[in-house]
């Protein structure tokens, strides 16, 4: 696809334009920023690739030599950030955010026939996986908190279930909880930004405690949370959170701190 960035400006003398790409989404001047284009108020990136991901801004200079720096705009591809098939380990099959098992996780054979998987994690309330504070999902554009899809296969009997993915910062800071429970047949997802402002979706009375494999999903396009059960939308909720900060504690799978 093609991505295009455009700035608005006012100048009484003919301006000059210099576009830059940065690895940093802040608007601070960085010595490793790369100049990518000059001479136009519009930057067009054709046939966008992963190598084009980053943060772009423009420096406008007028005839007297006065320069003004634009706001920063991010460019990221929609992609798989992390994938944990639990093939007798906590390895991330989509990248390098591998999870460490806490205690001795058990695994079971005979999982649903999807993606060539042969095993599944079988937590018992004491065994879980720990990710670093820098693992996905995390704060920042394109990192899985402001927009995301969280999905997993679950096979539950009555009385089973719990948090699939979650961690909470101290007090009323950034927090995440993605859960499935058989007690009320629910799929739920809770997110909290700084200042104790939170949004959530809770779908109840789903036939989830039948000891069969089910595909549960929550998506967020930046303005709406939608919960799915076996591929069918079950309900939605509004979402408008953007003020997330870095994790203070590890991110957990099949547990919450």
Protein backbone atom coordinates (compact mmCIF):
# COMPACT_ATOMS: atom_id res chain seq x y z
CA UNK A 1 0.00 0.00 0.00
CA UNK A 2 0.93 3.67 -0.18
CA UNK A 3 1.29 5.91 2.88
CA UNK A 4 1.19 9.69 2.61
CA UNK A 5 2.08 12.40 5.12
CA UNK A 6 1.19 16.05 4.54
CA UNK A 7 1.80 19.18 6.59
CA UNK A 8 0.06 22.55 6.66
CA UNK A 9 2.13 25.72 6.92
CA UNK A 10 2.12 29.48 6.42
CA UNK A 11 5.12 31.46 5.19
CA UNK A 12 5.51 34.90 3.61
CA UNK A 13 8.71 33.73 1.88
CA UNK A 14 9.28 30.57 -0.20
CA UNK A 15 9.82 27.69 2.28
CA UNK A 16 12.10 24.70 2.08
CA UNK A 17 11.05 21.25 3.30
CA UNK A 18 13.13 18.44 4.78
CA UNK A 19 11.46 15.17 5.85
CA UNK A 20 13.06 12.91 8.44
CA UNK A 21 12.50 9.38 9.72
CA UNK A 22 13.17 8.56 13.37
CA UNK A 23 13.01 5.47 15.56
CA UNK A 24 11.66 7.66 18.37
CA UNK A 25 8.04 8.80 18.52
CA UNK A 26 8.88 11.79 20.69
CA UNK A 27 9.43 15.14 19.01
CA UNK A 28 12.95 15.53 20.36
CA UNK A 29 15.80 16.14 17.94
CA UNK A 30 17.78 12.90 17.57
CA UNK A 31 21.20 12.62 15.98
CA UNK A 32 20.39 9.32 14.25
CA UNK A 33 17.31 10.63 12.41
CA UNK A 34 17.51 9.96 8.69
CA UNK A 35 16.58 12.57 6.07
CA UNK A 36 14.31 10.93 3.52
CA UNK A 37 13.01 13.71 1.23
CA UNK A 38 13.31 17.42 0.50
CA UNK A 39 11.38 19.95 -1.56
CA UNK A 40 7.74 19.12 -0.87
CA UNK A 41 5.06 19.57 1.78
CA UNK A 42 3.94 15.99 1.09
CA UNK A 43 5.87 12.78 1.73
CA UNK A 44 4.69 9.67 -0.15
CA UNK A 45 5.94 6.20 0.77
CA UNK A 46 5.04 3.71 -1.97
CA UNK A 47 4.84 -0.07 -1.52
CA UNK A 48 5.26 0.17 2.25
CA UNK A 49 7.56 -2.44 3.78
CA UNK A 50 8.59 -3.29 7.34
CA UNK A 51 11.78 -1.30 6.74
CA UNK A 52 9.61 1.83 6.29
CA UNK A 53 8.20 1.56 9.82
CA UNK A 54 9.11 4.46 12.04
CA UNK A 55 8.17 8.02 12.92
CA UNK A 56 8.21 10.85 10.38
CA UNK A 57 8.35 14.63 10.69
CA UNK A 58 9.15 17.63 8.51
CA UNK A 59 11.37 20.64 9.14
CA UNK A 60 10.16 23.76 7.31
CA UNK A 61 12.63 26.63 6.81
CA UNK A 62 11.61 30.05 5.48
CA UNK A 63 13.64 32.57 3.51
CA UNK A 64 15.09 34.18 6.63
CA UNK A 65 16.46 30.86 7.89
CA UNK A 66 13.87 30.28 10.62
CA UNK A 67 13.01 26.57 10.96
CA UNK A 68 9.92 24.95 12.46
CA UNK A 69 9.56 21.24 13.18
CA UNK A 70 6.24 19.51 12.51
CA UNK A 71 4.43 17.02 14.74
CA UNK A 72 5.51 13.39 14.48
CA UNK A 73 3.40 10.81 12.61
CA UNK A 74 3.94 7.07 12.98
CA UNK A 75 3.95 4.43 10.25
CA UNK A 76 3.55 0.77 11.18
CA UNK A 77 2.22 -2.27 9.37
CA UNK A 78 -0.59 -4.31 10.85
CA UNK A 79 1.19 -7.51 11.78
CA UNK A 80 1.46 -10.43 14.17
CA UNK A 81 3.30 -9.09 17.24
CA UNK A 82 3.51 -12.29 19.29
CA UNK A 83 2.32 -15.92 19.03
CA UNK A 84 2.60 -18.52 21.76
CA UNK A 85 1.59 -22.04 20.58
CA UNK A 86 2.84 -23.60 23.87
CA UNK A 87 4.56 -26.47 22.10
CA UNK A 88 6.08 -27.71 25.35
CA UNK A 89 7.60 -24.25 25.89
CA UNK A 90 6.84 -20.52 26.05
CA UNK A 91 8.60 -19.56 22.82
CA UNK A 92 7.27 -16.67 20.73
CA UNK A 93 6.82 -18.12 17.23
CA UNK A 94 6.31 -14.63 15.76
CA UNK A 95 9.39 -12.96 17.21
CA UNK A 96 11.76 -12.78 20.14
CA UNK A 97 9.47 -12.05 23.12
CA UNK A 98 9.86 -15.49 24.64
CA UNK A 99 8.06 -16.31 27.88
CA UNK A 100 9.63 -18.00 30.87
CA UNK A 101 7.57 -20.68 32.64
CA UNK A 102 7.11 -20.09 36.36
CA UNK A 103 7.04 -23.34 38.31
CA UNK A 104 6.64 -26.39 36.05
CA UNK A 105 4.00 -25.87 33.36
CA UNK A 106 2.21 -29.02 32.20
CA UNK A 107 1.27 -29.62 28.58
CA UNK A 108 -1.33 -31.82 26.99
CA UNK A 109 -1.57 -33.46 23.57
CA UNK A 110 -4.54 -33.60 21.23
CA UNK A 111 -5.28 -29.90 20.78
CA UNK A 112 -7.56 -28.42 18.17
CA UNK A 113 -6.17 -28.94 14.67
CA UNK A 114 -4.96 -25.41 13.91
CA UNK A 115 -1.61 -24.03 12.73
CA UNK A 116 -0.01 -27.45 13.02
CA UNK A 117 -0.06 -27.36 16.81
CA UNK A 118 0.29 -30.62 18.73
CA UNK A 119 0.25 -29.42 22.35
CA UNK A 120 -1.42 -26.94 24.66
CA UNK A 121 -0.48 -25.45 28.01
CA UNK A 122 -2.41 -26.95 30.94
CA UNK A 123 -2.15 -24.50 33.86
CA UNK A 124 -3.37 -25.54 37.29
CA UNK A 125 -3.53 -22.21 39.13
CA UNK A 126 0.12 -22.28 40.21
CA UNK A 127 1.98 -22.57 36.88
CA UNK A 128 2.11 -19.65 34.45
CA UNK A 129 4.37 -17.76 32.02
CA UNK A 130 6.27 -14.53 32.65
CA UNK A 131 7.19 -12.00 29.96
CA UNK A 132 9.54 -9.06 30.36
CA UNK A 133 8.26 -5.51 30.90
CA UNK A 134 9.27 -4.74 27.30
CA UNK A 135 7.20 -7.52 25.71
CA UNK A 136 4.01 -7.06 23.71
CA UNK A 137 1.43 -5.75 24.36
CA UNK A 138 2.98 -2.51 25.59
CA UNK A 139 2.67 1.26 25.42
CA UNK A 140 3.51 3.06 22.19
CA UNK A 141 2.09 3.36 18.70
CA UNK A 142 1.50 -0.04 17.10
CA UNK A 143 2.54 -2.02 20.17
CA UNK A 144 -0.77 -3.67 21.03
CA UNK A 145 -2.51 -1.50 23.64
CA UNK A 146 -4.12 1.35 21.71
CA UNK A 147 -5.15 -1.08 18.92
CA UNK A 148 -4.98 -4.88 18.99
CA UNK A 149 -6.42 -8.33 18.47
CA UNK A 150 -5.99 -10.81 21.33
CA UNK A 151 -6.96 -14.40 20.45
CA UNK A 152 -6.54 -17.87 21.90
CA UNK A 153 -7.91 -21.40 21.86
CA UNK A 154 -9.39 -22.57 25.17
CA UNK A 155 -10.80 -25.89 26.36
CA UNK A 156 -12.55 -25.56 29.71
CA UNK A 157 -14.72 -27.55 32.07
CA UNK A 158 -17.00 -26.16 34.77
CA UNK A 159 -15.07 -24.19 37.36
CA UNK A 160 -12.06 -23.55 35.13
CA UNK A 161 -10.84 -20.34 33.51
CA UNK A 162 -9.08 -17.16 34.51
CA UNK A 163 -6.76 -14.49 33.19
CA UNK A 164 -5.09 -15.33 29.88
CA UNK A 165 -2.98 -12.20 29.58
CA UNK A 166 -2.47 -9.43 32.09
CA UNK A 167 -0.52 -7.11 34.33
CA UNK A 168 -1.28 -3.99 36.35
CA UNK A 169 0.99 -1.10 37.24
CA UNK A 170 0.95 0.31 40.76
CA UNK A 171 -2.13 2.23 41.93
CA UNK A 172 -4.35 3.64 39.17
CA UNK A 173 -1.76 3.43 36.42
CA UNK A 174 -1.72 1.42 33.16
CA UNK A 175 -3.31 -2.04 33.37
CA UNK A 176 -4.47 -4.96 31.20
CA UNK A 177 -6.57 -8.06 31.83
CA UNK A 178 -7.87 -10.48 29.14
CA UNK A 179 -9.91 -13.30 30.70
CA UNK A 180 -12.16 -16.28 30.09
CA UNK A 181 -14.30 -17.82 32.85
CA UNK A 182 -16.78 -20.66 32.99
CA UNK A 183 -18.56 -19.45 36.13
CA UNK A 184 -20.51 -16.87 34.13
CA UNK A 185 -19.57 -18.14 30.65
CA UNK A 186 -17.64 -14.95 29.96
CA UNK A 187 -15.05 -13.37 27.71
CA UNK A 188 -13.76 -10.11 29.15
CA UNK A 189 -11.07 -7.54 28.48
CA UNK A 190 -10.16 -4.64 30.78
CA UNK A 191 -7.68 -1.84 30.02
CA UNK A 192 -6.75 1.12 32.19
CA UNK A 193 -4.73 4.19 31.29
CA UNK A 194 -3.03 6.63 33.64
CA UNK A 195 -5.34 8.51 35.98
CA UNK A 196 -7.64 5.55 36.67
CA UNK A 197 -9.57 5.86 33.40
CA UNK A 198 -10.56 2.40 32.16
CA UNK A 199 -12.60 0.69 29.46
CA UNK A 200 -13.79 -2.91 29.33
CA UNK A 201 -15.96 -5.43 27.56
CA UNK A 202 -17.70 -8.32 29.33
CA UNK A 203 -19.75 -10.90 27.42
CA UNK A 204 -21.58 -13.49 29.53
CA UNK A 205 -23.59 -16.71 29.19
CA UNK A 206 -21.48 -18.27 26.43
CA UNK A 207 -21.46 -22.10 26.18
CA UNK A 208 -17.78 -22.26 27.08
CA UNK A 209 -17.71 -24.92 29.85
CA UNK A 210 -18.32 -27.94 27.61
CA UNK A 211 -14.77 -29.37 27.55
CA UNK A 212 -14.51 -28.57 23.82
CA UNK A 213 -12.06 -26.26 22.02
CA UNK A 214 -13.29 -22.71 21.39
CA UNK A 215 -11.66 -19.70 19.73
CA UNK A 216 -12.03 -16.53 21.84
CA UNK A 217 -11.03 -13.09 20.59
CA UNK A 218 -11.20 -9.43 21.56
CA UNK A 219 -10.38 -6.77 18.97
CA UNK A 220 -9.83 -3.04 19.38
CA UNK A 221 -9.61 -0.66 16.42
CA UNK A 222 -8.91 2.35 18.62
CA UNK A 223 -12.54 3.32 19.09
CA UNK A 224 -14.41 0.06 19.71
CA UNK A 225 -13.84 -3.20 21.57
CA UNK A 226 -15.51 -6.28 20.04
CA UNK A 227 -15.62 -9.77 21.59
CA UNK A 228 -15.88 -12.90 19.42
CA UNK A 229 -16.73 -16.50 20.29
CA UNK A 230 -15.82 -19.10 17.64
CA UNK A 231 -15.58 -16.32 15.05
CA UNK A 232 -18.95 -14.72 15.73
CA UNK A 233 -19.20 -11.22 17.22
CA UNK A 234 -20.96 -11.27 20.60
CA UNK A 235 -20.97 -7.58 21.58
CA UNK A 236 -19.02 -4.35 21.57
CA UNK A 237 -18.00 -1.44 23.80
CA UNK A 238 -16.50 1.99 23.16
CA UNK A 239 -12.76 2.58 23.54
CA UNK A 240 -10.88 5.88 23.65
CA UNK A 241 -7.75 5.29 25.75
CA UNK A 242 -4.33 6.45 24.54
CA UNK A 243 -2.36 7.46 27.65
CA UNK A 244 -0.51 4.21 28.39
CA UNK A 245 2.97 4.08 29.93
CA UNK A 246 5.64 1.40 30.25
CA UNK A 247 5.00 -1.66 32.41
CA UNK A 248 6.37 -1.57 35.95
CA UNK A 249 6.02 -5.33 36.40
CA UNK A 250 6.32 -8.35 34.07
CA UNK A 251 3.47 -9.25 31.73
CA UNK A 252 1.94 -12.62 32.58
CA UNK A 253 0.20 -15.29 30.51
CA UNK A 254 -2.29 -17.56 32.29
CA UNK A 255 -1.98 -15.37 35.40
CA UNK A 256 -1.99 -11.76 36.59
CA UNK A 257 0.29 -9.99 39.05
